[in-house]
Amino acid sequence: MTDRSDAAPTLTDRPGDDRQAAILDAAFHAFATYGFRRVAMEDIARGAGMSRSALYLHYRNKEDIFRSLAQRYFETAVVEVRAALYRPGQTTEEALMAAFIAKDGKFMEAVLGTPHGAELMDAGFAISSDLAQEGEARLKAVLAEWMASRGLPEGLGRPEDVAQCLMVALKGLKSGTEGLAGYRKGEAMLAKVFAMALE
């Protein structure tokens, strides 16, 4: 079912175990292309260039693989959001927009660019909601730390509260816009509004 000869999206750009990376890349491509329900372990094994029995040595089932994808996504997002926020020479608005794009990684591009996006989001909530909650808390902490380092205007509130408000607004964009272009437009508006509040 999967064909890795095209420019498949991946979530494993960070260094790591090559075999694990191949499995997760194959799974991400398969899920983005065919949806979660239609993909079988055999499809993922084929995409990763291994036998199904070899795949079972690494993962129990596709839910286990999906959770590993979620974990890898949040680990990468935390590192890349921090780097985006503290990149020198940016305006506040540019830093926020760079952080939003870094937070999305390749996941939102795949979700908003496939007819299976809603199914993938549902699978994410059902299978890895605990990982998402933990990952979003870490991302909120990075945003709050950045805001605290800059200092907030008087009366705006604590950095943790402003970061929470921003995270909720970003989450709302996922269900409130259609397509990647609309989503990016919404992110740009949020970056502008929050930058004005922070300066």
N, C-alpha and C. Protein backbone atom coordinates (compact mmCIF):
# COMPACT_ATOMS: atom_id res chain seq x y z
N MET A 1 0.81 -1.19 0.00
CA MET A 1 0.00 0.00 0.00
C MET A 1 0.85 1.25 0.00
N THR A 2 2.01 1.22 0.65
CA THR A 2 2.86 2.41 0.70
C THR A 2 3.93 2.34 -0.37
N ASP A 3 4.28 3.52 -0.91
CA ASP A 3 5.34 3.63 -1.90
C ASP A 3 6.29 4.70 -1.43
N ARG A 4 7.48 4.29 -1.00
CA ARG A 4 8.41 5.24 -0.41
C ARG A 4 9.30 5.90 -1.45
N SER A 5 9.02 5.66 -2.74
CA SER A 5 9.86 6.25 -3.77
C SER A 5 9.56 7.73 -3.98
N ASP A 6 8.36 8.18 -3.54
CA ASP A 6 8.04 9.60 -3.70
C ASP A 6 8.58 10.39 -2.52
N ALA A 7 8.33 11.68 -2.55
CA ALA A 7 8.83 12.54 -1.46
C ALA A 7 7.88 12.45 -0.28
N ALA A 8 7.97 11.36 0.43
CA ALA A 8 7.07 11.11 1.56
C ALA A 8 7.40 12.02 2.72
N PRO A 9 6.36 12.53 3.39
CA PRO A 9 6.62 13.33 4.59
C PRO A 9 7.17 12.45 5.69
N THR A 10 8.04 12.99 6.50
CA THR A 10 8.59 12.23 7.61
C THR A 10 8.52 13.06 8.88
N LEU A 11 8.58 12.37 10.00
CA LEU A 11 8.63 13.05 11.29
C LEU A 11 9.94 12.75 11.99
N THR A 12 10.87 12.15 11.31
CA THR A 12 12.07 11.65 11.99
C THR A 12 13.33 12.28 11.42
N ASP A 13 13.36 13.59 11.37
CA ASP A 13 14.53 14.28 10.85
C ASP A 13 15.67 14.34 11.88
N ARG A 14 15.36 14.10 13.14
CA ARG A 14 16.39 14.12 14.16
C ARG A 14 17.15 12.81 14.15
N PRO A 15 18.44 12.86 14.56
CA PRO A 15 19.23 11.66 14.58
C PRO A 15 18.63 10.62 15.53
N GLY A 16 18.85 9.37 15.24
CA GLY A 16 18.34 8.31 16.08
C GLY A 16 18.59 6.98 15.43
N ASP A 17 18.01 5.96 15.98
CA ASP A 17 18.16 4.63 15.44
C ASP A 17 17.58 4.57 14.04
N ASP A 18 18.39 4.12 13.08
CA ASP A 18 17.95 4.11 11.68
C ASP A 18 16.74 3.21 11.46
N ARG A 19 16.72 2.05 12.11
CA ARG A 19 15.60 1.12 11.91
C ARG A 19 14.31 1.71 12.49
N GLN A 20 14.40 2.30 13.68
CA GLN A 20 13.23 2.93 14.28
C GLN A 20 12.74 4.08 13.40
N ALA A 21 13.69 4.87 12.89
CA ALA A 21 13.32 5.98 12.03
C ALA A 21 12.62 5.50 10.77
N ALA A 22 13.12 4.41 10.19
CA ALA A 22 12.51 3.86 8.97
C ALA A 22 11.08 3.40 9.24
N ILE A 23 10.87 2.77 10.38
CA ILE A 23 9.53 2.30 10.74
C ILE A 23 8.59 3.48 10.92
N LEU A 24 9.02 4.47 11.69
CA LEU A 24 8.15 5.61 11.96
C LEU A 24 7.87 6.43 10.71
N ASP A 25 8.88 6.58 9.86
CA ASP A 25 8.67 7.30 8.60
C ASP A 25 7.66 6.55 7.73
N ALA A 26 7.81 5.23 7.63
CA ALA A 26 6.90 4.43 6.82
C ALA A 26 5.48 4.50 7.38
N ALA A 27 5.36 4.45 8.70
CA ALA A 27 4.04 4.51 9.32
C ALA A 27 3.39 5.86 9.09
N PHE A 28 4.16 6.93 9.27
CA PHE A 28 3.60 8.27 9.08
C PHE A 28 3.12 8.45 7.65
N HIS A 29 3.92 8.00 6.69
CA HIS A 29 3.54 8.10 5.29
C HIS A 29 2.27 7.28 5.00
N ALA A 30 2.21 6.07 5.55
CA ALA A 30 1.05 5.21 5.33
C ALA A 30 -0.20 5.81 5.95
N PHE A 31 -0.10 6.29 7.19
CA PHE A 31 -1.26 6.89 7.86
C PHE A 31 -1.74 8.13 7.12
N ALA A 32 -0.81 8.98 6.69
CA ALA A 32 -1.17 10.20 5.98
C ALA A 32 -1.80 9.90 4.63
N THR A 33 -1.36 8.82 4.00
CA THR A 33 -1.84 8.49 2.65
C THR A 33 -3.16 7.73 2.66
N TYR A 34 -3.31 6.81 3.60
CA TYR A 34 -4.46 5.91 3.58
C TYR A 34 -5.38 6.02 4.80
N GLY A 35 -5.00 6.79 5.79
CA GLY A 35 -5.78 6.86 7.02
C GLY A 35 -5.35 5.78 7.99
N PHE A 36 -5.72 5.97 9.24
CA PHE A 36 -5.28 5.04 10.28
C PHE A 36 -5.94 3.67 10.14
N ARG A 37 -7.24 3.66 9.91
CA ARG A 37 -7.97 2.38 9.91
C ARG A 37 -7.54 1.44 8.80
N ARG A 38 -7.24 1.97 7.62
CA ARG A 38 -6.94 1.10 6.47
C ARG A 38 -5.53 0.53 6.50
N VAL A 39 -4.65 1.11 7.27
CA VAL A 39 -3.25 0.66 7.28
C VAL A 39 -3.09 -0.57 8.17
N ALA A 40 -2.39 -1.57 7.67
CA ALA A 40 -2.08 -2.78 8.43
C ALA A 40 -0.59 -2.81 8.75
N MET A 41 -0.22 -3.60 9.72
CA MET A 41 1.20 -3.74 10.08
C MET A 41 2.03 -4.17 8.87
N GLU A 42 1.46 -4.99 8.03
CA GLU A 42 2.17 -5.45 6.83
C GLU A 42 2.53 -4.27 5.92
N ASP A 43 1.62 -3.31 5.80
CA ASP A 43 1.89 -2.12 4.97
C ASP A 43 3.06 -1.32 5.53
N ILE A 44 3.09 -1.17 6.85
CA ILE A 44 4.17 -0.42 7.49
C ILE A 44 5.49 -1.16 7.33
N ALA A 45 5.45 -2.48 7.52
CA ALA A 45 6.66 -3.29 7.36
C ALA A 45 7.21 -3.17 5.94
N ARG A 46 6.32 -3.22 4.96
CA ARG A 46 6.76 -3.12 3.56
C ARG A 46 7.39 -1.75 3.30
N GLY A 47 6.75 -0.71 3.82
CA GLY A 47 7.28 0.64 3.63
C GLY A 47 8.63 0.83 4.29
N ALA A 48 8.85 0.12 5.40
CA ALA A 48 10.12 0.23 6.13
C ALA A 48 11.18 -0.72 5.60
N GLY A 49 10.81 -1.54 4.62
CA GLY A 49 11.78 -2.48 4.03
C GLY A 49 12.14 -3.63 4.94
N MET A 50 11.13 -4.15 5.66
CA MET A 50 11.39 -5.29 6.54
C MET A 50 10.20 -6.23 6.51
N SER A 51 10.36 -7.38 7.11
CA SER A 51 9.26 -8.33 7.19
C SER A 51 8.31 -7.93 8.31
N ARG A 52 7.08 -8.45 8.24
CA ARG A 52 6.12 -8.15 9.29
C ARG A 52 6.60 -8.70 10.63
N SER A 53 7.21 -9.90 10.61
CA SER A 53 7.70 -10.49 11.86
C SER A 53 8.81 -9.64 12.47
N ALA A 54 9.65 -9.04 11.62
CA ALA A 54 10.71 -8.16 12.14
C ALA A 54 10.10 -6.90 12.75
N LEU A 55 9.03 -6.39 12.13
CA LEU A 55 8.36 -5.21 12.67
C LEU A 55 7.80 -5.49 14.06
N TYR A 56 7.26 -6.70 14.26
CA TYR A 56 6.70 -7.05 15.57
C TYR A 56 7.76 -7.17 16.66
N LEU A 57 9.00 -7.25 16.28
CA LEU A 57 10.07 -7.24 17.28
C LEU A 57 10.23 -5.84 17.89
N HIS A 58 9.77 -4.82 17.15
CA HIS A 58 9.88 -3.43 17.60
C HIS A 58 8.59 -2.90 18.20
N TYR A 59 7.45 -3.30 17.62
CA TYR A 59 6.16 -2.74 18.04
C TYR A 59 5.10 -3.84 18.12
N ARG A 60 4.20 -3.71 19.09
CA ARG A 60 3.14 -4.70 19.29
C ARG A 60 2.06 -4.59 18.22
N ASN A 61 1.72 -3.35 17.83
CA ASN A 61 0.63 -3.12 16.89
C ASN A 61 0.73 -1.69 16.35
N LYS A 62 -0.20 -1.33 15.47
CA LYS A 62 -0.10 0.01 14.87
C LYS A 62 -0.44 1.10 15.87
N GLU A 63 -1.22 0.80 16.90
CA GLU A 63 -1.47 1.77 17.96
C GLU A 63 -0.18 2.11 18.70
N ASP A 64 0.64 1.10 18.93
CA ASP A 64 1.93 1.29 19.58
C ASP A 64 2.83 2.19 18.71
N ILE A 65 2.79 1.95 17.41
CA ILE A 65 3.57 2.78 16.48
C ILE A 65 3.05 4.21 16.49
N PHE A 66 1.74 4.37 16.49
CA PHE A 66 1.15 5.71 16.49
C PHE A 66 1.57 6.48 17.74
N ARG A 67 1.60 5.81 18.88
CA ARG A 67 2.04 6.47 20.11
C ARG A 67 3.51 6.89 20.01
N SER A 68 4.33 6.05 19.39
CA SER A 68 5.73 6.41 19.21
C SER A 68 5.88 7.62 18.29
N LEU A 69 5.02 7.67 17.26
CA LEU A 69 5.02 8.84 16.38
C LEU A 69 4.65 10.11 17.16
N ALA A 70 3.64 10.00 18.01
CA ALA A 70 3.22 11.15 18.82
C ALA A 70 4.34 11.59 19.76
N GLN A 71 4.99 10.63 20.38
CA GLN A 71 6.08 10.96 21.30
C GLN A 71 7.22 11.64 20.56
N ARG A 72 7.58 11.11 19.39
CA ARG A 72 8.66 11.70 18.59
C ARG A 72 8.28 13.11 18.15
N TYR A 73 7.02 13.29 17.77
CA TYR A 73 6.54 14.60 17.33
C TYR A 73 6.73 15.63 18.44
N PHE A 74 6.29 15.31 19.65
CA PHE A 74 6.38 16.29 20.73
C PHE A 74 7.82 16.53 21.16
N GLU A 75 8.64 15.49 21.16
CA GLU A 75 10.06 15.69 21.50
C GLU A 75 10.71 16.66 20.53
N THR A 76 10.42 16.47 19.25
CA THR A 76 10.99 17.34 18.22
C THR A 76 10.41 18.75 18.34
N ALA A 77 9.10 18.85 18.56
CA ALA A 77 8.44 20.14 18.62
C ALA A 77 8.99 21.00 19.75
N VAL A 78 9.22 20.41 20.91
CA VAL A 78 9.74 21.18 22.05
C VAL A 78 11.10 21.79 21.72
N VAL A 79 11.97 21.00 21.13
CA VAL A 79 13.31 21.48 20.77
C VAL A 79 13.23 22.57 19.71
N GLU A 80 12.41 22.35 18.68
CA GLU A 80 12.37 23.28 17.57
C GLU A 80 11.60 24.57 17.90
N VAL A 81 10.60 24.48 18.75
CA VAL A 81 9.89 25.69 19.17
C VAL A 81 10.83 26.58 19.98
N ARG A 82 11.58 25.98 20.90
CA ARG A 82 12.53 26.77 21.70
C ARG A 82 13.54 27.45 20.78
N ALA A 83 14.08 26.71 19.81
CA ALA A 83 15.06 27.29 18.89
C ALA A 83 14.45 28.42 18.07
N ALA A 84 13.20 28.24 17.64
CA ALA A 84 12.54 29.26 16.83
C ALA A 84 12.30 30.55 17.63
N LEU A 85 11.90 30.41 18.87
CA LEU A 85 11.61 31.59 19.69
C LEU A 85 12.85 32.41 20.00
N TYR A 86 13.97 31.73 20.22
CA TYR A 86 15.18 32.43 20.65
C TYR A 86 16.13 32.76 19.50
N ARG A 87 15.69 32.54 18.27
CA ARG A 87 16.54 32.87 17.13
C ARG A 87 16.75 34.38 17.09
N PRO A 88 18.00 34.84 17.01
CA PRO A 88 18.25 36.30 17.07
C PRO A 88 17.76 37.04 15.82
N GLY A 89 17.50 38.32 16.00
CA GLY A 89 17.16 39.19 14.87
C GLY A 89 15.72 39.15 14.43
N GLN A 90 14.83 38.59 15.23
CA GLN A 90 13.43 38.50 14.84
C GLN A 90 12.59 39.52 15.61
N THR A 91 11.51 39.93 14.99
CA THR A 91 10.50 40.67 15.72
C THR A 91 9.71 39.66 16.57
N THR A 92 8.92 40.17 17.49
CA THR A 92 8.08 39.29 18.31
C THR A 92 7.12 38.50 17.43
N GLU A 93 6.53 39.17 16.46
CA GLU A 93 5.60 38.50 15.56
C GLU A 93 6.29 37.41 14.76
N GLU A 94 7.48 37.69 14.25
CA GLU A 94 8.23 36.68 13.49
C GLU A 94 8.61 35.50 14.36
N ALA A 95 8.99 35.77 15.61
CA ALA A 95 9.37 34.69 16.52
C ALA A 95 8.17 33.79 16.80
N LEU A 96 7.01 34.38 17.03
CA LEU A 96 5.81 33.59 17.30
C LEU A 96 5.42 32.75 16.08
N MET A 97 5.45 33.36 14.90
CA MET A 97 5.08 32.61 13.70
C MET A 97 6.05 31.46 13.45
N ALA A 98 7.34 31.72 13.66
CA ALA A 98 8.34 30.66 13.50
C ALA A 98 8.09 29.54 14.50
N ALA A 99 7.69 29.90 15.72
CA ALA A 99 7.39 28.90 16.74
C ALA A 99 6.15 28.09 16.38
N PHE A 100 5.14 28.74 15.82
CA PHE A 100 3.93 28.03 15.42
C PHE A 100 4.25 26.99 14.34
N ILE A 101 5.04 27.39 13.36
CA ILE A 101 5.40 26.47 12.28
C ILE A 101 6.26 25.33 12.82
N ALA A 102 7.18 25.67 13.73
CA ALA A 102 8.01 24.63 14.34
C ALA A 102 7.16 23.66 15.16
N LYS A 103 6.15 24.17 15.85
CA LYS A 103 5.26 23.32 16.64
C LYS A 103 4.50 22.35 15.75
N ASP A 104 4.06 22.83 14.59
CA ASP A 104 3.31 21.98 13.67
C ASP A 104 4.15 20.83 13.15
N GLY A 105 5.44 21.09 12.95
CA GLY A 105 6.27 20.10 12.29
C GLY A 105 5.66 19.75 10.94
N LYS A 106 5.81 18.51 10.52
CA LYS A 106 5.22 18.06 9.26
C LYS A 106 3.83 17.48 9.48
N PHE A 107 3.44 17.36 10.76
CA PHE A 107 2.17 16.71 11.07
C PHE A 107 0.98 17.48 10.52
N MET A 108 0.90 18.78 10.80
CA MET A 108 -0.26 19.53 10.34
C MET A 108 -0.30 19.65 8.83
N GLU A 109 0.86 19.72 8.19
CA GLU A 109 0.89 19.74 6.73
C GLU A 109 0.27 18.47 6.18
N ALA A 110 0.62 17.34 6.78
CA ALA A 110 0.07 16.06 6.32
C ALA A 110 -1.41 15.96 6.64
N VAL A 111 -1.79 16.35 7.85
CA VAL A 111 -3.19 16.25 8.25
C VAL A 111 -4.08 17.14 7.39
N LEU A 112 -3.65 18.37 7.14
CA LEU A 112 -4.47 19.30 6.37
C LEU A 112 -4.36 19.07 4.87
N GLY A 113 -3.41 18.25 4.47
CA GLY A 113 -3.23 17.98 3.05
C GLY A 113 -3.75 16.63 2.61
N THR A 114 -4.46 15.93 3.49
CA THR A 114 -4.97 14.62 3.15
C THR A 114 -6.44 14.53 3.52
N PRO A 115 -7.23 13.74 2.77
CA PRO A 115 -8.64 13.57 3.15
C PRO A 115 -8.81 12.78 4.44
N HIS A 116 -7.71 12.20 4.95
CA HIS A 116 -7.77 11.40 6.18
C HIS A 116 -7.41 12.21 7.41
N GLY A 117 -7.32 13.53 7.26
CA GLY A 117 -6.89 14.37 8.37
C GLY A 117 -7.76 14.23 9.61
N ALA A 118 -9.09 14.27 9.43
CA ALA A 118 -9.98 14.16 10.58
C ALA A 118 -9.82 12.82 11.28
N GLU A 119 -9.65 11.78 10.50
CA GLU A 119 -9.46 10.44 11.08
C GLU A 119 -8.16 10.37 11.87
N LEU A 120 -7.10 10.99 11.36
CA LEU A 120 -5.82 10.99 12.07
C LEU A 120 -5.92 11.78 13.37
N MET A 121 -6.65 12.90 13.34
CA MET A 121 -6.84 13.68 14.56
C MET A 121 -7.63 12.87 15.58
N ASP A 122 -8.68 12.18 15.13
CA ASP A 122 -9.47 11.34 16.03
C ASP A 122 -8.62 10.22 16.63
N ALA A 123 -7.79 9.61 15.79
CA ALA A 123 -6.91 8.54 16.26
C ALA A 123 -5.94 9.08 17.30
N GLY A 124 -5.44 10.28 17.05
CA GLY A 124 -4.52 10.89 18.00
C GLY A 124 -5.15 11.09 19.36
N PHE A 125 -6.41 11.58 19.37
CA PHE A 125 -7.11 11.79 20.64
C PHE A 125 -7.36 10.46 21.35
N ALA A 126 -7.73 9.44 20.58
CA ALA A 126 -8.09 8.16 21.18
C ALA A 126 -6.88 7.37 21.68
N ILE A 127 -5.79 7.45 20.94
CA ILE A 127 -4.65 6.57 21.21
C ILE A 127 -3.57 7.24 22.05
N SER A 128 -3.39 8.54 21.88
CA SER A 128 -2.24 9.18 22.52
C SER A 128 -2.60 10.48 23.23
N SER A 129 -3.81 10.54 23.79
CA SER A 129 -4.23 11.78 24.45
C SER A 129 -3.34 12.11 25.65
N ASP A 130 -2.84 11.08 26.34
CA ASP A 130 -1.97 11.33 27.49
C ASP A 130 -0.64 11.95 27.04
N LEU A 131 -0.11 11.44 25.93
CA LEU A 131 1.14 11.99 25.39
C LEU A 131 0.93 13.42 24.89
N ALA A 132 -0.22 13.66 24.26
CA ALA A 132 -0.52 15.00 23.77
C ALA A 132 -0.64 15.99 24.92
N GLN A 133 -1.30 15.57 26.00
CA GLN A 133 -1.45 16.45 27.16
C GLN A 133 -0.09 16.80 27.76
N GLU A 134 0.76 15.79 27.89
CA GLU A 134 2.10 16.01 28.44
C GLU A 134 2.94 16.88 27.50
N GLY A 135 2.87 16.60 26.19
CA GLY A 135 3.65 17.36 25.22
C GLY A 135 3.21 18.81 25.14
N GLU A 136 1.90 19.03 25.18
CA GLU A 136 1.40 20.40 25.13
C GLU A 136 1.78 21.18 26.40
N ALA A 137 1.84 20.49 27.52
CA ALA A 137 2.29 21.15 28.76
C ALA A 137 3.74 21.59 28.63
N ARG A 138 4.56 20.76 28.01
CA ARG A 138 5.97 21.11 27.80
C ARG A 138 6.10 22.29 26.84
N LEU A 139 5.28 22.30 25.79
CA LEU A 139 5.32 23.41 24.84
C LEU A 139 4.86 24.70 25.50
N LYS A 140 3.82 24.61 26.33
CA LYS A 140 3.35 25.79 27.06
C LYS A 140 4.45 26.32 27.97
N ALA A 141 5.18 25.42 28.61
CA ALA A 141 6.27 25.85 29.49
C ALA A 141 7.36 26.59 28.72
N VAL A 142 7.66 26.13 27.50
CA VAL A 142 8.66 26.80 26.66
C VAL A 142 8.18 28.20 26.31
N LEU A 143 6.92 28.33 25.93
CA LEU A 143 6.37 29.65 25.60
C LEU A 143 6.39 30.57 26.82
N ALA A 144 6.00 30.04 27.98
CA ALA A 144 5.96 30.85 29.19
C ALA A 144 7.36 31.31 29.58
N GLU A 145 8.33 30.42 29.44
CA GLU A 145 9.74 30.76 29.76
C GLU A 145 10.22 31.90 28.86
N TRP A 146 9.89 31.81 27.57
CA TRP A 146 10.28 32.84 26.60
C TRP A 146 9.63 34.17 26.95
N MET A 147 8.34 34.13 27.27
CA MET A 147 7.63 35.36 27.63
C MET A 147 8.21 35.98 28.90
N ALA A 148 8.51 35.13 29.89
CA ALA A 148 9.08 35.63 31.14
C ALA A 148 10.45 36.27 30.90
N SER A 149 11.23 35.70 29.98
CA SER A 149 12.57 36.24 29.70
C SER A 149 12.49 37.61 29.04
N ARG A 150 11.40 37.88 28.35
CA ARG A 150 11.21 39.18 27.68
C ARG A 150 10.57 40.20 28.61
N GLY A 151 9.78 39.69 29.56
CA GLY A 151 8.99 40.58 30.41
C GLY A 151 7.68 40.90 29.74
N LEU A 152 6.60 40.82 30.49
CA LEU A 152 5.28 41.09 29.93
C LEU A 152 4.81 42.49 30.33
N PRO A 153 4.03 43.14 29.49
CA PRO A 153 3.47 44.44 29.86
C PRO A 153 2.63 44.33 31.13
N GLU A 154 2.63 45.36 31.91
CA GLU A 154 1.90 45.36 33.17
C GLU A 154 0.41 45.14 32.92
N GLY A 155 -0.17 44.28 33.71
CA GLY A 155 -1.60 44.01 33.61
C GLY A 155 -1.97 42.89 32.65
N LEU A 156 -1.00 42.36 31.89
CA LEU A 156 -1.33 41.32 30.93
C LEU A 156 -1.55 39.97 31.61
N GLY A 157 -0.87 39.76 32.72
CA GLY A 157 -1.02 38.49 33.42
C GLY A 157 0.30 37.76 33.53
N ARG A 158 0.24 36.59 34.13
CA ARG A 158 1.45 35.77 34.30
C ARG A 158 1.82 35.13 32.97
N PRO A 159 3.12 34.89 32.72
CA PRO A 159 3.54 34.23 31.48
C PRO A 159 2.83 32.89 31.26
N GLU A 160 2.63 32.12 32.33
CA GLU A 160 1.98 30.82 32.21
C GLU A 160 0.55 30.96 31.70
N ASP A 161 -0.14 32.00 32.17
CA ASP A 161 -1.53 32.20 31.74
C ASP A 161 -1.61 32.67 30.29
N VAL A 162 -0.71 33.56 29.91
CA VAL A 162 -0.70 34.03 28.52
C VAL A 162 -0.32 32.89 27.57
N ALA A 163 0.65 32.07 27.97
CA ALA A 163 1.05 30.92 27.16
C ALA A 163 -0.11 29.94 27.02
N GLN A 164 -0.85 29.72 28.09
CA GLN A 164 -2.01 28.83 28.04
C GLN A 164 -3.06 29.36 27.08
N CYS A 165 -3.31 30.65 27.14
CA CYS A 165 -4.27 31.28 26.23
C CYS A 165 -3.84 31.09 24.77
N LEU A 166 -2.55 31.25 24.53
CA LEU A 166 -2.03 31.08 23.18
C LEU A 166 -2.18 29.64 22.70
N MET A 167 -1.89 28.68 23.57
CA MET A 167 -2.01 27.26 23.20
C MET A 167 -3.47 26.91 22.88
N VAL A 168 -4.40 27.43 23.67
CA VAL A 168 -5.82 27.17 23.41
C VAL A 168 -6.24 27.76 22.07
N ALA A 169 -5.77 28.97 21.78
CA ALA A 169 -6.10 29.61 20.50
C ALA A 169 -5.56 28.80 19.33
N LEU A 170 -4.33 28.30 19.46
CA LEU A 170 -3.75 27.47 18.40
C LEU A 170 -4.54 26.18 18.20
N LYS A 171 -4.97 25.59 19.30
CA LYS A 171 -5.75 24.35 19.20
C LYS A 171 -7.07 24.62 18.48
N GLY A 172 -7.66 25.78 18.76
CA GLY A 172 -8.92 26.13 18.10
C GLY A 172 -8.79 26.26 16.59
N LEU A 173 -7.62 26.66 16.12
CA LEU A 173 -7.41 26.79 14.67
C LEU A 173 -7.54 25.45 13.96
N LYS A 174 -7.17 24.37 14.64
CA LYS A 174 -7.20 23.05 14.00
C LYS A 174 -8.60 22.67 13.56
N SER A 175 -9.59 23.04 14.35
CA SER A 175 -10.96 22.68 14.01
C SER A 175 -11.71 23.82 13.33
N GLY A 176 -11.14 25.00 13.35
CA GLY A 176 -11.86 26.16 12.83
C GLY A 176 -11.46 26.60 11.44
N THR A 177 -10.47 25.93 10.82
CA THR A 177 -10.04 26.32 9.48
C THR A 177 -9.99 25.11 8.56
N GLU A 178 -10.06 25.37 7.27
CA GLU A 178 -9.98 24.30 6.28
C GLU A 178 -8.74 24.52 5.42
N GLY A 179 -7.95 23.48 5.27
CA GLY A 179 -6.78 23.55 4.41
C GLY A 179 -5.60 24.22 5.07
N LEU A 180 -4.42 23.92 4.54
CA LEU A 180 -3.19 24.45 5.11
C LEU A 180 -3.09 25.96 4.97
N ALA A 181 -3.54 26.49 3.82
CA ALA A 181 -3.45 27.95 3.60
C ALA A 181 -4.30 28.70 4.63
N GLY A 182 -5.49 28.21 4.89
CA GLY A 182 -6.34 28.84 5.89
C GLY A 182 -5.77 28.73 7.29
N TYR A 183 -5.17 27.60 7.56
CA TYR A 183 -4.55 27.38 8.87
C TYR A 183 -3.38 28.33 9.08
N ARG A 184 -2.52 28.46 8.06
CA ARG A 184 -1.38 29.38 8.15
C ARG A 184 -1.86 30.83 8.29
N LYS A 185 -2.92 31.18 7.60
CA LYS A 185 -3.46 32.53 7.71
C LYS A 185 -3.92 32.79 9.15
N GLY A 186 -4.57 31.80 9.75
CA GLY A 186 -5.00 31.94 11.14
C GLY A 186 -3.82 32.05 12.09
N GLU A 187 -2.77 31.27 11.84
CA GLU A 187 -1.56 31.37 12.67
C GLU A 187 -0.93 32.75 12.56
N ALA A 188 -0.88 33.29 11.34
CA ALA A 188 -0.31 34.61 11.14
C ALA A 188 -1.10 35.67 11.90
N MET A 189 -2.43 35.54 11.92
CA MET A 189 -3.26 36.49 12.66
C MET A 189 -3.00 36.37 14.16
N LEU A 190 -2.90 35.15 14.66
CA LEU A 190 -2.59 34.96 16.08
C LEU A 190 -1.22 35.54 16.44
N ALA A 191 -0.24 35.31 15.58
CA ALA A 191 1.10 35.86 15.83
C ALA A 191 1.05 37.37 15.92
N LYS A 192 0.30 38.00 15.04
CA LYS A 192 0.19 39.46 15.03
C LYS A 192 -0.51 39.96 16.30
N VAL A 193 -1.62 39.32 16.66
CA VAL A 193 -2.41 39.78 17.81
C VAL A 193 -1.61 39.61 19.11
N PHE A 194 -0.99 38.43 19.28
CA PHE A 194 -0.24 38.21 20.51
C PHE A 194 1.02 39.05 20.57
N ALA A 195 1.64 39.30 19.40
CA ALA A 195 2.82 40.17 19.40
C ALA A 195 2.45 41.58 19.85
N MET A 196 1.32 42.05 19.39
CA MET A 196 0.87 43.40 19.80
C MET A 196 0.62 43.44 21.31
N ALA A 197 0.10 42.36 21.86
CA ALA A 197 -0.16 42.31 23.30
C ALA A 197 1.13 42.22 24.11
N LEU A 198 2.13 41.55 23.55
CA LEU A 198 3.37 41.31 24.29
C LEU A 198 4.32 42.49 24.25
N GLU A 199 4.14 43.40 23.32
CA GLU A 199 5.11 44.49 23.15
C GLU A 199 4.69 45.74 23.89
